[in-house]
Amino acid sequence: MSNEHRHPEPVQGFSQRVEDAWPLTLALSSRAIGTERGCVGDQPQRVGSSNASGACRALRLVEDDTAAPSEASATRSPGNESLLSKDYWRLLRQDVQEVFTAPAHWDASDWLVFSGVTAGIVTVGVFDEDLQKAVQRNRTRTTDDIFKAVQPFGAEYSIAMLGGFYLGGEIFKDPKAKAVALDGLSASLIASGLIDLPLKYTFGRNRPMKDHGAFRFEPFSGNDSFPSGHSTQAFAVATVIAEHYDSVFIKVGSYGVASMVGYARINGNRHWTSDVLAGAALGTFVGHVVVHFNQHHRGLALAPVVGPHLQGVQLSWSFGTGR
């Protein structure tokens, strides 16, 4: 760096990306961490001092054609992730932490929504027996066949669908499809495996087909009606898909199929209505948290930068209106 004051050249890294986001590169010169030499004579100036010029700041927006990120760039792009990569399983661990600690970061409006949803589930629960009898009275062979065909979307079909997204992302180099698969798997493992199952056996609610009534709870007895596992799984996957795509048709289709899965469990006399609503709320919450947390972290990349005029680390992130 010469003694002459230089203004940083205009940033050229704001080109449009496929997903309508703009990459922004922030470079920290290793020579500018702590002190910066050559800015005023030969005396080092503390970073952030009044004598430091725009070219002598620790944090600078730069583009240097002679400096290139190291091959060891630690990106979080879904195109670089796979089920066998350490990055994915590391992100899954962070997803678990984010989901379980999310309530600690809620504001008043979040708690208001939670309270409203909980009150709604409890209110519906009061009428569970009446709703169950009404649904069973109106069952027909046709409705049974329809809902029997839809029900697996809350179990094995949902996993197959995520596999289709993952395979499509690999074949067609579609990062969004691959992200849907990975986020969907994470949301499924957390919602269905880590939350739904423990809740089922903790509440120990009897299923409607046992004819013991809607208000018989026997914790750790093996009864597992509340909440609905199929509903939890269906809404977790539906939320992941809906959060990744802006199309109204995709959103309506995803939540529509998930809702049919929930009704199928009521129609089949496997769950009370409040079981299904609780599962839907749980799956939706987990899917939403996982997608938004992962979108933020996939936009970050940290890599060393080495060049004749710049040595340090490069922090890149993307932002924009697209998902």
C-alpha atoms as a PDB file:
ATOM      1  CA  MET A   1       0.000   0.000   0.000  1.00  0.00           C
ATOM      2  CA  SER A   2       1.506   3.317  -0.994  1.00  0.00           C
ATOM      3  CA  ASN A   3       1.708   6.376   1.217  1.00  0.00           C
ATOM      4  CA  GLU A   4      -0.693   8.193  -1.045  1.00  0.00           C
ATOM      5  CA  HIS A   5      -4.251   8.373   0.148  1.00  0.00           C
ATOM      6  CA  ARG A   6      -6.430   6.148  -2.021  1.00  0.00           C
ATOM      7  CA  HIS A   7     -10.176   5.828  -2.071  1.00  0.00           C
ATOM      8  CA  PRO A   8     -11.458   2.295  -2.416  1.00  0.00           C
ATOM      9  CA  GLU A   9     -12.692   1.475  -5.869  1.00  0.00           C
ATOM     10  CA  PRO A  10     -16.433   1.064  -6.316  1.00  0.00           C
ATOM     11  CA  VAL A  11     -17.732  -2.314  -5.282  1.00  0.00           C
ATOM     12  CA  GLN A  12     -18.531  -4.418  -8.341  1.00  0.00           C
ATOM     13  CA  GLY A  13     -19.897  -7.422  -6.491  1.00  0.00           C
ATOM     14  CA  PHE A  14     -23.581  -6.505  -6.475  1.00  0.00           C
ATOM     15  CA  SER A  15     -24.583  -8.554  -9.507  1.00  0.00           C
ATOM     16  CA  GLN A  16     -27.998 -10.209  -9.534  1.00  0.00           C
ATOM     17  CA  ARG A  17     -28.015 -13.842  -8.436  1.00  0.00           C
ATOM     18  CA  VAL A  18     -30.366 -16.540  -9.667  1.00  0.00           C
ATOM     19  CA  GLU A  19     -32.487 -16.299  -6.549  1.00  0.00           C
ATOM     20  CA  ASP A  20     -32.739 -12.497  -6.811  1.00  0.00           C
ATOM     21  CA  ALA A  21     -30.175 -11.831  -4.079  1.00  0.00           C
ATOM     22  CA  TRP A  22     -27.035  -9.752  -4.161  1.00  0.00           C
ATOM     23  CA  PRO A  23     -23.685 -11.047  -2.884  1.00  0.00           C
ATOM     24  CA  LEU A  24     -21.821  -8.579  -0.728  1.00  0.00           C
ATOM     25  CA  THR A  25     -18.170  -9.110   0.125  1.00  0.00           C
ATOM     26  CA  LEU A  26     -16.597  -7.662   3.232  1.00  0.00           C
ATOM     27  CA  ALA A  27     -12.820  -7.973   3.458  1.00  0.00           C
ATOM     28  CA  LEU A  28     -10.759  -7.417   6.571  1.00  0.00           C
ATOM     29  CA  SER A  29      -7.113  -6.764   5.742  1.00  0.00           C
ATOM     30  CA  SER A  30      -4.809  -8.679   8.064  1.00  0.00           C
ATOM     31  CA  ARG A  31      -2.540  -5.635   8.144  1.00  0.00           C
ATOM     32  CA  ALA A  32      -5.415  -3.462   9.315  1.00  0.00           C
ATOM     33  CA  ILE A  33      -6.352  -5.565  12.311  1.00  0.00           C
ATOM     34  CA  GLY A  34      -5.148  -3.579  15.323  1.00  0.00           C
ATOM     35  CA  THR A  35      -2.956  -1.105  13.388  1.00  0.00           C
ATOM     36  CA  GLU A  36      -2.603   0.105   9.806  1.00  0.00           C
ATOM     37  CA  ARG A  37       0.784   1.193   8.435  1.00  0.00           C
ATOM     38  CA  GLY A  38       1.519   3.579   5.600  1.00  0.00           C
ATOM     39  CA  CYS A  39      -1.530   5.774   5.984  1.00  0.00           C
ATOM     40  CA  VAL A  40       0.166   8.761   7.528  1.00  0.00           C
ATOM     41  CA  GLY A  41       3.891   8.697   6.897  1.00  0.00           C
ATOM     42  CA  ASP A  42       5.454   5.542   8.329  1.00  0.00           C
ATOM     43  CA  GLN A  43       3.732   5.724  11.697  1.00  0.00           C
ATOM     44  CA  PRO A  44       1.101   3.120  12.503  1.00  0.00           C
ATOM     45  CA  GLN A  45      -2.336   4.569  13.139  1.00  0.00           C
ATOM     46  CA  ARG A  46      -4.908   2.903  15.344  1.00  0.00           C
ATOM     47  CA  VAL A  47      -7.825   1.590  13.353  1.00  0.00           C
ATOM     48  CA  GLY A  48     -10.788   3.901  13.545  1.00  0.00           C
ATOM     49  CA  SER A  49      -8.647   6.950  14.416  1.00  0.00           C
ATOM     50  CA  SER A  50      -9.500  10.304  12.911  1.00  0.00           C
ATOM     51  CA  ASN A  51      -6.391  10.121  10.683  1.00  0.00           C
ATOM     52  CA  ALA A  52      -7.396   6.856   9.037  1.00  0.00           C
ATOM     53  CA  SER A  53      -8.612   7.349   5.491  1.00  0.00           C
ATOM     54  CA  GLY A  54     -11.277   5.311   3.753  1.00  0.00           C
ATOM     55  CA  ALA A  55      -8.539   3.001   2.463  1.00  0.00           C
ATOM     56  CA  CYS A  56      -7.157   2.470   5.993  1.00  0.00           C
ATOM     57  CA  ARG A  57     -10.162   1.063   7.792  1.00  0.00           C
ATOM     58  CA  ALA A  58     -10.341  -2.396   9.238  1.00  0.00           C
ATOM     59  CA  LEU A  59     -13.658  -3.051   7.607  1.00  0.00           C
ATOM     60  CA  ARG A  60     -13.752  -2.148   3.945  1.00  0.00           C
ATOM     61  CA  LEU A  61     -15.943  -2.981   0.988  1.00  0.00           C
ATOM     62  CA  VAL A  62     -13.397  -3.967  -1.631  1.00  0.00           C
ATOM     63  CA  GLU A  63     -12.945  -5.747  -4.874  1.00  0.00           C
ATOM     64  CA  ASP A  64      -9.369  -6.675  -5.731  1.00  0.00           C
ATOM     65  CA  ASP A  65      -8.872  -8.655  -8.919  1.00  0.00           C
ATOM     66  CA  THR A  66      -5.490  -9.866  -7.660  1.00  0.00           C
ATOM     67  CA  ALA A  67      -6.867 -11.287  -4.421  1.00  0.00           C
ATOM     68  CA  ALA A  68      -8.763 -14.536  -4.517  1.00  0.00           C
ATOM     69  CA  PRO A  69     -10.431 -16.542  -1.759  1.00  0.00           C
ATOM     70  CA  SER A  70      -8.636 -19.668  -0.704  1.00  0.00           C
ATOM     71  CA  GLU A  71      -9.919 -22.999  -1.962  1.00  0.00           C
ATOM     72  CA  ALA A  72     -10.836 -23.749   1.637  1.00  0.00           C
ATOM     73  CA  SER A  73     -13.758 -21.350   1.442  1.00  0.00           C
ATOM     74  CA  ALA A  74     -16.316 -22.374   4.052  1.00  0.00           C
ATOM     75  CA  THR A  75     -19.540 -21.654   2.214  1.00  0.00           C
ATOM     76  CA  ARG A  76     -22.982 -22.761   3.335  1.00  0.00           C
ATOM     77  CA  SER A  77     -24.645 -22.854  -0.074  1.00  0.00           C
ATOM     78  CA  PRO A  78     -27.231 -25.656  -0.284  1.00  0.00           C
ATOM     79  CA  GLY A  79     -25.655 -26.597  -3.594  1.00  0.00           C
ATOM     80  CA  ASN A  80     -22.536 -27.637  -1.656  1.00  0.00           C
ATOM     81  CA  GLU A  81     -24.423 -29.542   1.044  1.00  0.00           C
ATOM     82  CA  SER A  82     -25.271 -33.202   1.070  1.00  0.00           C
ATOM     83  CA  LEU A  83     -26.719 -35.624   3.589  1.00  0.00           C
ATOM     84  CA  LEU A  84     -23.236 -36.988   4.157  1.00  0.00           C
ATOM     85  CA  SER A  85     -21.510 -33.628   4.585  1.00  0.00           C
ATOM     86  CA  LYS A  86     -20.384 -32.355   7.972  1.00  0.00           C
ATOM     87  CA  ASP A  87     -21.865 -28.956   7.130  1.00  0.00           C
ATOM     88  CA  TYR A  88     -25.396 -30.375   6.990  1.00  0.00           C
ATOM     89  CA  TRP A  89     -25.190 -32.261  10.283  1.00  0.00           C
ATOM     90  CA  ARG A  90     -23.561 -29.267  11.938  1.00  0.00           C
ATOM     91  CA  LEU A  91     -26.428 -27.103  10.683  1.00  0.00           C
ATOM     92  CA  LEU A  92     -28.953 -29.681  11.911  1.00  0.00           C
ATOM     93  CA  ARG A  93     -27.458 -29.454  15.394  1.00  0.00           C
ATOM     94  CA  GLN A  94     -27.831 -25.688  15.242  1.00  0.00           C
ATOM     95  CA  ASP A  95     -31.417 -26.083  14.017  1.00  0.00           C
ATOM     96  CA  VAL A  96     -32.241 -28.170  17.085  1.00  0.00           C
ATOM     97  CA  GLN A  97     -30.790 -25.507  19.358  1.00  0.00           C
ATOM     98  CA  GLU A  98     -32.615 -22.734  17.503  1.00  0.00           C
ATOM     99  CA  VAL A  99     -36.002 -24.477  17.736  1.00  0.00           C
ATOM    100  CA  PHE A 100     -35.734 -25.286  21.442  1.00  0.00           C
ATOM    101  CA  THR A 101     -34.461 -21.822  22.400  1.00  0.00           C
ATOM    102  CA  ALA A 102     -36.794 -19.855  20.095  1.00  0.00           C
ATOM    103  CA  PRO A 103     -39.334 -19.001  22.866  1.00  0.00           C
ATOM    104  CA  ALA A 104     -36.567 -17.255  24.816  1.00  0.00           C
ATOM    105  CA  HIS A 105     -36.333 -14.736  21.972  1.00  0.00           C
ATOM    106  CA  TRP A 106     -40.053 -14.171  21.428  1.00  0.00           C
ATOM    107  CA  ASP A 107     -41.483 -10.696  21.787  1.00  0.00           C
ATOM    108  CA  ALA A 108     -44.968  -9.741  22.966  1.00  0.00           C
ATOM    109  CA  SER A 109     -46.576 -10.398  19.572  1.00  0.00           C
ATOM    110  CA  ASP A 110     -45.055 -13.899  19.397  1.00  0.00           C
ATOM    111  CA  TRP A 111     -46.394 -14.779  22.833  1.00  0.00           C
ATOM    112  CA  LEU A 112     -49.774 -13.380  21.832  1.00  0.00           C
ATOM    113  CA  VAL A 113     -49.864 -15.704  18.806  1.00  0.00           C
ATOM    114  CA  PHE A 114     -48.780 -18.658  20.952  1.00  0.00           C
ATOM    115  CA  SER A 115     -51.460 -17.883  23.515  1.00  0.00           C
ATOM    116  CA  GLY A 116     -54.109 -17.575  20.822  1.00  0.00           C
ATOM    117  CA  VAL A 117     -53.166 -20.883  19.198  1.00  0.00           C
ATOM    118  CA  THR A 118     -53.068 -22.657  22.563  1.00  0.00           C
ATOM    119  CA  ALA A 119     -56.447 -21.221  23.561  1.00  0.00           C
ATOM    120  CA  GLY A 120     -57.879 -22.311  20.224  1.00  0.00           C
ATOM    121  CA  ILE A 121     -56.655 -25.893  20.658  1.00  0.00           C
ATOM    122  CA  VAL A 122     -58.036 -26.067  24.210  1.00  0.00           C
ATOM    123  CA  THR A 123     -61.375 -24.620  23.098  1.00  0.00           C
ATOM    124  CA  VAL A 124     -61.695 -27.156  20.267  1.00  0.00           C
ATOM    125  CA  GLY A 125     -60.717 -29.878  22.731  1.00  0.00           C
ATOM    126  CA  VAL A 126     -63.848 -29.156  24.759  1.00  0.00           C
ATOM    127  CA  PHE A 127     -65.922 -30.185  21.728  1.00  0.00           C
ATOM    128  CA  ASP A 128     -63.724 -33.118  20.639  1.00  0.00           C
ATOM    129  CA  GLU A 129     -66.341 -35.775  21.353  1.00  0.00           C
ATOM    130  CA  ASP A 130     -69.097 -33.909  19.507  1.00  0.00           C
ATOM    131  CA  LEU A 131     -66.828 -33.345  16.509  1.00  0.00           C
ATOM    132  CA  GLN A 132     -65.751 -36.982  16.488  1.00  0.00           C
ATOM    133  CA  LYS A 133     -69.348 -38.216  16.437  1.00  0.00           C
ATOM    134  CA  ALA A 134     -70.276 -35.790  13.638  1.00  0.00           C
ATOM    135  CA  VAL A 135     -67.393 -36.894  11.442  1.00  0.00           C
ATOM    136  CA  GLN A 136     -68.079 -40.588  12.006  1.00  0.00           C
ATOM    137  CA  ARG A 137     -71.775 -40.153  11.148  1.00  0.00           C
ATOM    138  CA  ASN A 138     -70.876 -38.616   7.795  1.00  0.00           C
ATOM    139  CA  ARG A 139     -68.271 -41.157   6.707  1.00  0.00           C
ATOM    140  CA  THR A 140     -68.812 -42.821   3.342  1.00  0.00           C
ATOM    141  CA  ARG A 141     -66.881 -45.373   1.339  1.00  0.00           C
ATOM    142  CA  THR A 142     -65.821 -42.617  -1.064  1.00  0.00           C
ATOM    143  CA  THR A 143     -64.465 -40.308   1.627  1.00  0.00           C
ATOM    144  CA  ASP A 144     -62.718 -43.243   3.277  1.00  0.00           C
ATOM    145  CA  ASP A 145     -60.973 -44.127   0.015  1.00  0.00           C
ATOM    146  CA  ILE A 146     -59.945 -40.517  -0.641  1.00  0.00           C
ATOM    147  CA  PHE A 147     -58.510 -39.858   2.793  1.00  0.00           C
ATOM    148  CA  LYS A 148     -56.889 -43.276   2.961  1.00  0.00           C
ATOM    149  CA  ALA A 149     -54.954 -42.346  -0.189  1.00  0.00           C
ATOM    150  CA  VAL A 150     -53.921 -38.946   1.218  1.00  0.00           C
ATOM    151  CA  GLN A 151     -52.968 -40.086   4.723  1.00  0.00           C
ATOM    152  CA  PRO A 152     -49.446 -41.390   3.819  1.00  0.00           C
ATOM    153  CA  PHE A 153     -48.382 -37.796   3.023  1.00  0.00           C
ATOM    154  CA  GLY A 154     -48.040 -37.507   6.785  1.00  0.00           C
ATOM    155  CA  ALA A 155     -45.649 -40.468   6.861  1.00  0.00           C
ATOM    156  CA  GLU A 156     -43.783 -42.375   4.127  1.00  0.00           C
ATOM    157  CA  TYR A 157     -44.997 -40.226   1.211  1.00  0.00           C
ATOM    158  CA  SER A 158     -43.540 -37.092   2.788  1.00  0.00           C
ATOM    159  CA  ILE A 159     -40.105 -38.701   3.041  1.00  0.00           C
ATOM    160  CA  ALA A 160     -40.353 -39.891  -0.569  1.00  0.00           C
ATOM    161  CA  MET A 161     -41.303 -36.378  -1.643  1.00  0.00           C
ATOM    162  CA  LEU A 162     -38.280 -34.888   0.120  1.00  0.00           C
ATOM    163  CA  GLY A 163     -36.142 -37.499  -1.612  1.00  0.00           C
ATOM    164  CA  GLY A 164     -37.576 -36.324  -4.929  1.00  0.00           C
ATOM    165  CA  PHE A 165     -36.637 -32.716  -4.145  1.00  0.00           C
ATOM    166  CA  TYR A 166     -33.112 -33.783  -3.216  1.00  0.00           C
ATOM    167  CA  LEU A 167     -32.647 -35.899  -6.341  1.00  0.00           C
ATOM    168  CA  GLY A 168     -34.047 -33.131  -8.529  1.00  0.00           C
ATOM    169  CA  GLY A 169     -31.706 -30.618  -6.928  1.00  0.00           C
ATOM    170  CA  GLU A 170     -28.721 -32.847  -7.656  1.00  0.00           C
ATOM    171  CA  ILE A 171     -29.674 -33.650 -11.255  1.00  0.00           C
ATOM    172  CA  PHE A 172     -30.806 -30.181 -12.325  1.00  0.00           C
ATOM    173  CA  LYS A 173     -28.345 -28.239 -10.120  1.00  0.00           C
ATOM    174  CA  ASP A 174     -31.245 -26.555  -8.339  1.00  0.00           C
ATOM    175  CA  PRO A 175     -30.080 -25.244  -4.927  1.00  0.00           C
ATOM    176  CA  LYS A 176     -33.620 -24.333  -3.873  1.00  0.00           C
ATOM    177  CA  ALA A 177     -34.963 -27.850  -4.424  1.00  0.00           C
ATOM    178  CA  LYS A 178     -32.014 -29.286  -2.528  1.00  0.00           C
ATOM    179  CA  ALA A 179     -32.560 -26.830   0.318  1.00  0.00           C
ATOM    180  CA  VAL A 180     -36.218 -27.908   0.526  1.00  0.00           C
ATOM    181  CA  ALA A 181     -35.114 -31.525   0.938  1.00  0.00           C
ATOM    182  CA  LEU A 182     -32.486 -30.786   3.578  1.00  0.00           C
ATOM    183  CA  ASP A 183     -34.650 -28.342   5.521  1.00  0.00           C
ATOM    184  CA  GLY A 184     -37.608 -30.714   5.265  1.00  0.00           C
ATOM    185  CA  LEU A 185     -35.565 -33.573   6.681  1.00  0.00           C
ATOM    186  CA  SER A 186     -34.301 -31.382   9.523  1.00  0.00           C
ATOM    187  CA  ALA A 187     -37.800 -30.133  10.355  1.00  0.00           C
ATOM    188  CA  SER A 188     -39.132 -33.703  10.274  1.00  0.00           C
ATOM    189  CA  LEU A 189     -36.452 -35.046  12.603  1.00  0.00           C
ATOM    190  CA  ILE A 190     -36.962 -32.213  15.078  1.00  0.00           C
ATOM    191  CA  ALA A 191     -40.753 -31.930  14.987  1.00  0.00           C
ATOM    192  CA  SER A 192     -41.681 -35.604  14.719  1.00  0.00           C
ATOM    193  CA  GLY A 193     -38.746 -37.216  16.469  1.00  0.00           C
ATOM    194  CA  LEU A 194     -37.603 -34.826  19.181  1.00  0.00           C
ATOM    195  CA  ILE A 195     -40.852 -33.072  20.102  1.00  0.00           C
ATOM    196  CA  ASP A 196     -43.930 -34.990  18.966  1.00  0.00           C
ATOM    197  CA  LEU A 197     -42.989 -38.436  20.295  1.00  0.00           C
ATOM    198  CA  PRO A 198     -42.028 -37.256  23.812  1.00  0.00           C
ATOM    199  CA  LEU A 199     -45.252 -35.215  23.990  1.00  0.00           C
ATOM    200  CA  LYS A 200     -47.338 -38.217  22.937  1.00  0.00           C
ATOM    201  CA  TYR A 201     -46.126 -40.419  25.755  1.00  0.00           C
ATOM    202  CA  THR A 202     -46.045 -37.602  28.283  1.00  0.00           C
ATOM    203  CA  PHE A 203     -49.727 -36.732  27.779  1.00  0.00           C
ATOM    204  CA  GLY A 204     -50.814 -40.340  27.290  1.00  0.00           C
ATOM    205  CA  ARG A 205     -54.141 -39.422  25.740  1.00  0.00           C
ATOM    206  CA  ASN A 206     -56.460 -42.225  24.669  1.00  0.00           C
ATOM    207  CA  ARG A 207     -57.369 -42.483  20.996  1.00  0.00           C
ATOM    208  CA  PRO A 208     -61.042 -42.060  20.048  1.00  0.00           C
ATOM    209  CA  MET A 209     -61.331 -45.641  18.741  1.00  0.00           C
ATOM    210  CA  LYS A 210     -60.856 -46.942  22.318  1.00  0.00           C
ATOM    211  CA  ASP A 211     -64.173 -45.382  23.396  1.00  0.00           C
ATOM    212  CA  HIS A 212     -62.759 -44.052  26.661  1.00  0.00           C
ATOM    213  CA  GLY A 213     -63.761 -40.471  25.923  1.00  0.00           C
ATOM    214  CA  ALA A 214     -61.765 -37.431  24.884  1.00  0.00           C
ATOM    215  CA  PHE A 215     -60.619 -36.432  28.349  1.00  0.00           C
ATOM    216  CA  ARG A 216     -58.798 -39.523  29.536  1.00  0.00           C
ATOM    217  CA  PHE A 217     -55.083 -38.822  29.899  1.00  0.00           C
ATOM    218  CA  GLU A 218     -52.729 -41.438  31.341  1.00  0.00           C
ATOM    219  CA  PRO A 219     -49.123 -40.180  31.210  1.00  0.00           C
ATOM    220  CA  PHE A 220     -46.500 -42.753  30.166  1.00  0.00           C
ATOM    221  CA  SER A 221     -49.160 -45.440  29.753  1.00  0.00           C
ATOM    222  CA  GLY A 222     -48.407 -46.078  26.081  1.00  0.00           C
ATOM    223  CA  ASN A 223     -51.429 -44.117  24.868  1.00  0.00           C
ATOM    224  CA  ASP A 224     -50.261 -41.657  22.233  1.00  0.00           C
ATOM    225  CA  SER A 225     -53.097 -39.690  20.688  1.00  0.00           C
ATOM    226  CA  PHE A 226     -51.942 -36.135  21.474  1.00  0.00           C
ATOM    227  CA  PRO A 227     -50.569 -34.583  19.318  1.00  0.00           C
ATOM    228  CA  SER A 228     -51.109 -36.193  15.917  1.00  0.00           C
ATOM    229  CA  GLY A 229     -47.807 -37.430  14.462  1.00  0.00           C
ATOM    230  CA  HIS A 230     -49.130 -37.529  10.881  1.00  0.00           C
ATOM    231  CA  SER A 231     -50.365 -33.960  11.190  1.00  0.00           C
ATOM    232  CA  THR A 232     -47.052 -32.808  12.661  1.00  0.00           C
ATOM    233  CA  GLN A 233     -45.047 -34.392   9.852  1.00  0.00           C
ATOM    234  CA  ALA A 234     -47.358 -33.191   7.083  1.00  0.00           C
ATOM    235  CA  PHE A 235     -47.357 -29.570   8.249  1.00  0.00           C
ATOM    236  CA  ALA A 236     -43.602 -29.515   8.907  1.00  0.00           C
ATOM    237  CA  VAL A 237     -42.894 -30.532   5.300  1.00  0.00           C
ATOM    238  CA  ALA A 238     -45.675 -28.316   3.897  1.00  0.00           C
ATOM    239  CA  THR A 239     -44.285 -25.286   5.747  1.00  0.00           C
ATOM    240  CA  VAL A 240     -40.763 -25.897   4.471  1.00  0.00           C
ATOM    241  CA  ILE A 241     -42.021 -26.071   0.879  1.00  0.00           C
ATOM    242  CA  ALA A 242     -44.268 -23.023   1.283  1.00  0.00           C
ATOM    243  CA  GLU A 243     -41.480 -20.944   2.857  1.00  0.00           C
ATOM    244  CA  HIS A 244     -39.083 -21.666  -0.012  1.00  0.00           C
ATOM    245  CA  TYR A 245     -41.476 -20.845  -2.857  1.00  0.00           C
ATOM    246  CA  ASP A 246     -43.417 -17.625  -3.404  1.00  0.00           C
ATOM    247  CA  SER A 247     -46.050 -19.200  -5.679  1.00  0.00           C
ATOM    248  CA  VAL A 248     -49.526 -19.010  -4.158  1.00  0.00           C
ATOM    249  CA  PHE A 249     -50.444 -22.272  -5.872  1.00  0.00           C
ATOM    250  CA  ILE A 250     -47.543 -24.086  -4.201  1.00  0.00           C
ATOM    251  CA  LYS A 251     -48.426 -22.655  -0.798  1.00  0.00           C
ATOM    252  CA  VAL A 252     -52.129 -23.511  -1.119  1.00  0.00           C
ATOM    253  CA  GLY A 253     -51.321 -26.966  -2.483  1.00  0.00           C
ATOM    254  CA  SER A 254     -48.830 -27.742   0.291  1.00  0.00           C
ATOM    255  CA  TYR A 255     -51.064 -26.657   3.146  1.00  0.00           C
ATOM    256  CA  GLY A 256     -54.110 -28.146   1.411  1.00  0.00           C
ATOM    257  CA  VAL A 257     -52.579 -31.624   1.309  1.00  0.00           C
ATOM    258  CA  ALA A 258     -51.383 -31.278   4.914  1.00  0.00           C
ATOM    259  CA  SER A 259     -54.909 -30.293   6.010  1.00  0.00           C
ATOM    260  CA  MET A 260     -56.344 -33.325   4.230  1.00  0.00           C
ATOM    261  CA  VAL A 261     -53.865 -35.526   6.094  1.00  0.00           C
ATOM    262  CA  GLY A 262     -55.112 -34.086   9.368  1.00  0.00           C
ATOM    263  CA  TYR A 263     -58.747 -34.651   8.462  1.00  0.00           C
ATOM    264  CA  ALA A 264     -57.919 -38.188   7.332  1.00  0.00           C
ATOM    265  CA  ARG A 265     -56.768 -38.988  10.866  1.00  0.00           C
ATOM    266  CA  ILE A 266     -60.059 -37.675  12.285  1.00  0.00           C
ATOM    267  CA  ASN A 267     -62.082 -39.471   9.617  1.00  0.00           C
ATOM    268  CA  GLY A 268     -60.288 -42.721  10.381  1.00  0.00           C
ATOM    269  CA  ASN A 269     -61.143 -42.324  14.073  1.00  0.00           C
ATOM    270  CA  ARG A 270     -57.446 -42.303  14.936  1.00  0.00           C
ATOM    271  CA  HIS A 271     -57.299 -38.820  16.451  1.00  0.00           C
ATOM    272  CA  TRP A 272     -59.391 -36.164  18.113  1.00  0.00           C
ATOM    273  CA  THR A 273     -59.661 -32.814  16.341  1.00  0.00           C
ATOM    274  CA  SER A 274     -57.510 -31.053  18.949  1.00  0.00           C
ATOM    275  CA  ASP A 275     -54.780 -33.673  18.378  1.00  0.00           C
ATOM    276  CA  VAL A 276     -54.649 -32.697  14.722  1.00  0.00           C
ATOM    277  CA  LEU A 277     -54.639 -28.954  15.430  1.00  0.00           C
ATOM    278  CA  ALA A 278     -51.795 -29.336  17.929  1.00  0.00           C
ATOM    279  CA  GLY A 279     -49.772 -31.359  15.430  1.00  0.00           C
ATOM    280  CA  ALA A 280     -50.402 -28.774  12.705  1.00  0.00           C
ATOM    281  CA  ALA A 281     -49.237 -25.937  14.977  1.00  0.00           C
ATOM    282  CA  LEU A 282     -46.134 -27.864  16.024  1.00  0.00           C
ATOM    283  CA  GLY A 283     -45.130 -28.799  12.474  1.00  0.00           C
ATOM    284  CA  THR A 284     -45.729 -25.276  11.182  1.00  0.00           C
ATOM    285  CA  PHE A 285     -43.667 -23.703  13.964  1.00  0.00           C
ATOM    286  CA  VAL A 286     -40.685 -26.018  13.509  1.00  0.00           C
ATOM    287  CA  GLY A 287     -40.732 -25.753   9.709  1.00  0.00           C
ATOM    288  CA  HIS A 288     -40.815 -21.956   9.881  1.00  0.00           C
ATOM    289  CA  VAL A 289     -37.934 -21.714  12.355  1.00  0.00           C
ATOM    290  CA  VAL A 290     -35.740 -24.189  10.477  1.00  0.00           C
ATOM    291  CA  VAL A 291     -36.175 -22.533   7.075  1.00  0.00           C
ATOM    292  CA  HIS A 292     -35.546 -18.973   8.239  1.00  0.00           C
ATOM    293  CA  PHE A 293     -32.573 -19.936  10.401  1.00  0.00           C
ATOM    294  CA  ASN A 294     -30.985 -21.955   7.588  1.00  0.00           C
ATOM    295  CA  GLN A 295     -31.613 -19.286   4.959  1.00  0.00           C
ATOM    296  CA  HIS A 296     -29.694 -16.820   7.097  1.00  0.00           C
ATOM    297  CA  HIS A 297     -26.763 -19.158   7.666  1.00  0.00           C
ATOM    298  CA  ARG A 298     -26.553 -20.383   4.088  1.00  0.00           C
ATOM    299  CA  GLY A 299     -26.039 -16.791   3.000  1.00  0.00           C
ATOM    300  CA  LEU A 300     -22.808 -16.548   4.998  1.00  0.00           C
ATOM    301  CA  ALA A 301     -19.346 -17.546   3.820  1.00  0.00           C
ATOM    302  CA  LEU A 302     -15.969 -17.026   5.483  1.00  0.00           C
ATOM    303  CA  ALA A 303     -12.714 -17.590   3.591  1.00  0.00           C
ATOM    304  CA  PRO A 304      -9.087 -16.456   3.708  1.00  0.00           C
ATOM    305  CA  VAL A 305      -8.022 -14.026   0.972  1.00  0.00           C
ATOM    306  CA  VAL A 306      -4.440 -13.922  -0.307  1.00  0.00           C
ATOM    307  CA  GLY A 307      -3.097 -11.492  -2.899  1.00  0.00           C
ATOM    308  CA  PRO A 308      -0.309  -8.974  -3.577  1.00  0.00           C
ATOM    309  CA  HIS A 309      -2.389  -6.065  -2.294  1.00  0.00           C
ATOM    310  CA  LEU A 310      -4.691  -7.721   0.189  1.00  0.00           C
ATOM    311  CA  GLN A 311      -4.243 -10.379   2.821  1.00  0.00           C
ATOM    312  CA  GLY A 312      -6.887 -11.278   5.335  1.00  0.00           C
ATOM    313  CA  VAL A 313     -10.277 -12.919   5.500  1.00  0.00           C
ATOM    314  CA  GLN A 314     -13.375 -12.490   3.354  1.00  0.00           C
ATOM    315  CA  LEU A 315     -16.854 -12.516   4.848  1.00  0.00           C
ATOM    316  CA  SER A 316     -19.628 -12.776   2.273  1.00  0.00           C
ATOM    317  CA  TRP A 317     -23.352 -12.832   2.664  1.00  0.00           C
ATOM    318  CA  SER A 318     -26.365 -12.528   0.379  1.00  0.00           C
ATOM    319  CA  PHE A 319     -29.612 -10.700   0.838  1.00  0.00           C
ATOM    320  CA  GLY A 320     -32.544  -9.789  -1.292  1.00  0.00           C
ATOM    321  CA  THR A 321     -36.246 -10.272  -1.913  1.00  0.00           C
ATOM    322  CA  GLY A 322     -36.136 -13.780  -3.304  1.00  0.00           C
ATOM    323  CA  ARG A 323     -36.060 -17.008  -1.377  1.00  0.00           C
END
